Each structure stands twice: as C-alpha cells, then as structure tokens.
Amino acid sequence: MHEMSLMRDLLEKINLITKANEGARPVAVTVKLGAMSHISAGHFREHFDEAIRGTPLEKVSLSVIVSEDLDDPRAQDILLESVELEEQEPESESRM
C-alpha cells in the first residue's frame, strides 16, 4: 500500500506541473531513488506503469536514477528530478 501512496503523490506532482504549463502533455519523467529508499528501480517501474495505466499519462516514458550515496541527506527519498513536456506549437495569429 505504501507504493500506491508514493505513486499517487508522484502523479499529483506531474499533474500540477502539467497544469502550470497550460496543459502541456508530459512525455518523459525522471525519478531519483535515494540509496536508502527501500525500493528497486524495477519495482518502482512496475508500480509506476500500473499507476498510469488507463490515464492520460499512460504514454509517459520513465527514467529511474538510483543513487548509491548513503551520506546524501535525501538518501531515503524518492525525488521527481524532471518532467519533459511536449513542445506546443505557438498559436498562429489570425489576420483580417
């Protein structure tokens, strides 16, 4: 159940970024797993894929960075490193 809560929080952050960027569609997400985050990259990916199935985020590509730095102050955290958004074409000006 803990993983479901993590995924819900992550998807909420991605959706907030999407809304802040005028609904631009996310195409790629990078997540960093701290050395003591207690979840493997494969296990994280499984839960992410399950969480986005059937949602507008279903086609998002996931990259996972695994830290091995036990002294990192964020070693227990799972961090959203980046969200790549689809480039939106500028609206053309209408001429009269």
Protein backbone atom coordinates (compact mmCIF):
# COMPACT_ATOMS: atom_id res chain seq x y z
CA MET A 1 0.00 0.00 0.00
CA HIS A 2 2.92 2.35 0.65
CA GLU A 3 3.85 2.19 -3.04
CA MET A 4 0.33 3.25 -4.05
CA SER A 5 0.64 6.34 -1.88
CA LEU A 6 4.04 7.14 -3.43
CA MET A 7 2.61 6.80 -6.93
CA ARG A 8 -0.43 8.93 -6.10
CA ASP A 9 1.85 11.70 -4.80
CA LEU A 10 4.14 11.45 -7.82
CA LEU A 11 1.26 11.59 -10.31
CA GLU A 12 -0.19 14.57 -8.45
CA LYS A 13 3.13 16.42 -8.83
CA ILE A 14 3.26 15.59 -12.54
CA ASN A 15 -0.32 16.80 -13.00
CA LEU A 16 0.46 20.06 -11.16
CA ILE A 17 3.42 20.66 -13.48
CA THR A 18 1.19 19.94 -16.47
CA LYS A 19 -1.46 22.42 -15.29
CA ALA A 20 1.18 25.07 -14.55
CA ASN A 21 2.37 24.71 -18.15
CA GLU A 22 -1.03 25.27 -19.72
CA GLY A 23 -1.84 21.60 -20.05
CA ALA A 24 1.29 20.63 -21.99
CA ARG A 25 1.41 16.85 -22.24
CA PRO A 26 4.20 15.18 -20.26
CA VAL A 27 6.26 12.79 -22.41
CA ALA A 28 9.07 11.78 -20.05
CA VAL A 29 9.66 11.68 -16.31
CA THR A 30 12.92 11.17 -14.45
CA VAL A 31 12.87 9.95 -10.86
CA LYS A 32 15.79 9.55 -8.46
CA LEU A 33 15.67 6.79 -5.87
CA GLY A 34 17.77 7.50 -2.80
CA ALA A 35 20.23 4.83 -1.69
CA MET A 36 18.02 4.00 1.29
CA SER A 37 14.63 4.47 -0.35
CA HIS A 38 13.91 0.74 0.03
CA ILE A 39 12.58 0.21 -3.48
CA SER A 40 14.40 -1.10 -6.53
CA ALA A 41 14.21 0.59 -9.91
CA GLY A 42 12.34 -2.41 -11.34
CA HIS A 43 9.81 -2.48 -8.52
CA PHE A 44 9.29 1.28 -8.82
CA ARG A 45 8.78 0.95 -12.59
CA GLU A 46 6.16 -1.79 -12.09
CA HIS A 47 4.16 0.39 -9.73
CA PHE A 48 4.53 3.45 -11.97
CA ASP A 49 3.32 1.52 -15.03
CA GLU A 50 0.34 0.23 -13.05
CA ALA A 51 -0.50 3.70 -11.72
CA ILE A 52 -0.52 5.36 -15.16
CA ARG A 53 -2.40 2.58 -16.98
CA GLY A 54 -5.65 3.96 -18.39
CA THR A 55 -4.78 7.58 -17.56
CA PRO A 56 -3.67 10.49 -19.77
CA LEU A 57 -0.14 9.77 -18.52
CA GLU A 58 -0.14 6.25 -19.97
CA LYS A 59 2.40 7.05 -22.72
CA VAL A 60 4.89 8.81 -20.41
CA SER A 61 8.42 7.42 -20.57
CA LEU A 62 10.07 6.77 -17.19
CA SER A 63 13.79 7.05 -16.40
CA VAL A 64 14.97 5.95 -12.98
CA ILE A 65 18.25 7.10 -11.44
CA VAL A 66 19.43 5.03 -8.49
CA SER A 67 21.73 6.79 -6.05
CA GLU A 68 24.31 4.80 -4.09
CA ASP A 69 25.30 7.73 -1.85
CA LEU A 70 24.39 6.68 1.68
CA ASP A 71 25.58 10.07 3.01
CA ASP A 72 23.21 12.06 0.82
CA PRO A 73 20.75 13.93 3.08
CA ARG A 74 17.97 12.75 0.73
CA ALA A 75 19.12 9.10 0.72
CA GLN A 76 15.72 7.89 1.95
CA ASP A 77 13.73 9.89 -0.56
CA ILE A 78 12.21 9.32 -3.96
CA LEU A 79 12.63 12.53 -5.90
CA LEU A 80 10.95 13.79 -9.05
CA GLU A 81 14.03 15.02 -10.94
CA SER A 82 12.37 16.26 -14.12
CA VAL A 83 9.27 16.23 -16.27
CA GLU A 84 9.73 16.69 -20.01
CA LEU A 85 6.73 18.28 -21.67
CA GLU A 86 5.65 18.00 -25.28
CA GLU A 87 6.53 21.13 -27.16
CA GLN A 88 3.42 23.05 -28.02
CA GLU A 89 3.24 24.83 -31.32
CA PRO A 90 2.62 28.55 -30.97
CA GLU A 91 -0.87 29.62 -31.90
CA SER A 92 -0.90 31.35 -35.24
CA GLU A 93 -2.16 34.88 -35.33
CA SER A 94 -5.37 35.31 -37.22
CA ARG A 95 -5.25 38.06 -39.83
CA MET A 96 -8.19 40.01 -41.08
